[in-house]
Amino acid sequence: MHSFNRLGGYGFVVPVGSEDQVYFSAEDIEGGDTTLSEGQQVTFVLVLGEGRFEAKELRI
């Protein structure tokens, strides 16, 4: 589950088994397509960013 702001180029995903949203940037979406649809299933890697976890290497 996630939300994506196309104009801002960022969004949030919710890891399975969690209720906490994790930030991601459109630059971290792999495969050439830099947009996602709300609710679309994705895989990603969690990394510790500047004081928070961020999702990287997003794949559809």
C-alpha atoms as a PDB file:
ATOM      1  CA  MET A   1       0.000   0.000   0.000  1.00  0.00           C
ATOM      2  CA  HIS A   2       1.283   3.462  -0.762  1.00  0.00           C
ATOM      3  CA  SER A   3       0.505   6.991  -1.858  1.00  0.00           C
ATOM      4  CA  PHE A   4       2.396   8.958  -4.487  1.00  0.00           C
ATOM      5  CA  ASN A   5       2.549  12.701  -5.207  1.00  0.00           C
ATOM      6  CA  ARG A   6       3.333  12.909  -8.945  1.00  0.00           C
ATOM      7  CA  LEU A   7       3.944  16.656  -8.908  1.00  0.00           C
ATOM      8  CA  GLY A   8       6.232  16.511  -5.875  1.00  0.00           C
ATOM      9  CA  GLY A   9       8.033  13.356  -7.013  1.00  0.00           C
ATOM     10  CA  TYR A  10       7.721  11.543  -3.684  1.00  0.00           C
ATOM     11  CA  GLY A  11       5.451   9.179  -1.848  1.00  0.00           C
ATOM     12  CA  PHE A  12       4.981   6.843   1.075  1.00  0.00           C
ATOM     13  CA  VAL A  13       4.816   3.063   1.350  1.00  0.00           C
ATOM     14  CA  VAL A  14       3.635   0.947   4.260  1.00  0.00           C
ATOM     15  CA  PRO A  15       5.648  -2.229   4.864  1.00  0.00           C
ATOM     16  CA  VAL A  16       3.667  -5.458   5.281  1.00  0.00           C
ATOM     17  CA  GLY A  17       2.853  -5.992   8.944  1.00  0.00           C
ATOM     18  CA  SER A  18       3.346  -2.320   9.826  1.00  0.00           C
ATOM     19  CA  GLU A  19       1.171   0.769  10.036  1.00  0.00           C
ATOM     20  CA  ASP A  20       4.066   3.238   9.726  1.00  0.00           C
ATOM     21  CA  GLN A  21       4.518   5.053   6.421  1.00  0.00           C
ATOM     22  CA  VAL A  22       7.999   5.137   4.887  1.00  0.00           C
ATOM     23  CA  TYR A  23       9.106   7.991   2.565  1.00  0.00           C
ATOM     24  CA  PHE A  24      10.441   7.391  -0.955  1.00  0.00           C
ATOM     25  CA  SER A  25      11.546   9.593  -3.845  1.00  0.00           C
ATOM     26  CA  ALA A  26      10.565   9.029  -7.481  1.00  0.00           C
ATOM     27  CA  GLU A  27      14.307   8.781  -8.199  1.00  0.00           C
ATOM     28  CA  ASP A  28      14.355   5.525  -6.200  1.00  0.00           C
ATOM     29  CA  ILE A  29      11.821   3.745  -8.448  1.00  0.00           C
ATOM     30  CA  GLU A  30      13.678   1.247 -10.627  1.00  0.00           C
ATOM     31  CA  GLY A  31      12.777   0.100 -14.125  1.00  0.00           C
ATOM     32  CA  GLY A  32      12.447   3.409 -15.968  1.00  0.00           C
ATOM     33  CA  ASP A  33       8.876   4.235 -14.871  1.00  0.00           C
ATOM     34  CA  THR A  34       9.005   7.002 -12.265  1.00  0.00           C
ATOM     35  CA  THR A  35       5.320   6.929 -11.297  1.00  0.00           C
ATOM     36  CA  LEU A  36       3.241   4.525  -9.254  1.00  0.00           C
ATOM     37  CA  SER A  37      -0.480   4.096  -8.780  1.00  0.00           C
ATOM     38  CA  GLU A  38      -1.979   4.298  -5.307  1.00  0.00           C
ATOM     39  CA  GLY A  39      -2.350   0.854  -3.778  1.00  0.00           C
ATOM     40  CA  GLN A  40       0.074  -0.753  -6.243  1.00  0.00           C
ATOM     41  CA  GLN A  41       2.180  -3.547  -4.707  1.00  0.00           C
ATOM     42  CA  VAL A  42       5.918  -2.810  -4.694  1.00  0.00           C
ATOM     43  CA  THR A  43       9.074  -4.267  -3.169  1.00  0.00           C
ATOM     44  CA  PHE A  44      11.758  -2.075  -1.641  1.00  0.00           C
ATOM     45  CA  VAL A  45      14.773  -1.911   0.640  1.00  0.00           C
ATOM     46  CA  LEU A  46      14.559  -0.002   3.928  1.00  0.00           C
ATOM     47  CA  VAL A  47      17.539   2.236   4.700  1.00  0.00           C
ATOM     48  CA  LEU A  48      18.150   4.689   7.521  1.00  0.00           C
ATOM     49  CA  GLY A  49      18.164   8.188   6.037  1.00  0.00           C
ATOM     50  CA  GLU A  50      18.465  11.503   7.830  1.00  0.00           C
ATOM     51  CA  GLY A  51      16.757  10.576  11.092  1.00  0.00           C
ATOM     52  CA  ARG A  52      14.153   8.319   9.486  1.00  0.00           C
ATOM     53  CA  PHE A  53      13.808   5.165   7.470  1.00  0.00           C
ATOM     54  CA  GLU A  54      13.414   5.573   3.711  1.00  0.00           C
ATOM     55  CA  ALA A  55      12.417   3.142   0.979  1.00  0.00           C
ATOM     56  CA  LYS A  56      15.013   2.644  -1.785  1.00  0.00           C
ATOM     57  CA  GLU A  57      15.215   0.407  -4.873  1.00  0.00           C
ATOM     58  CA  LEU A  58      11.432   0.308  -5.363  1.00  0.00           C
ATOM     59  CA  ARG A  59      10.291  -2.303  -7.886  1.00  0.00           C
ATOM     60  CA  ILE A  60       6.834  -3.126  -9.187  1.00  0.00           C
END
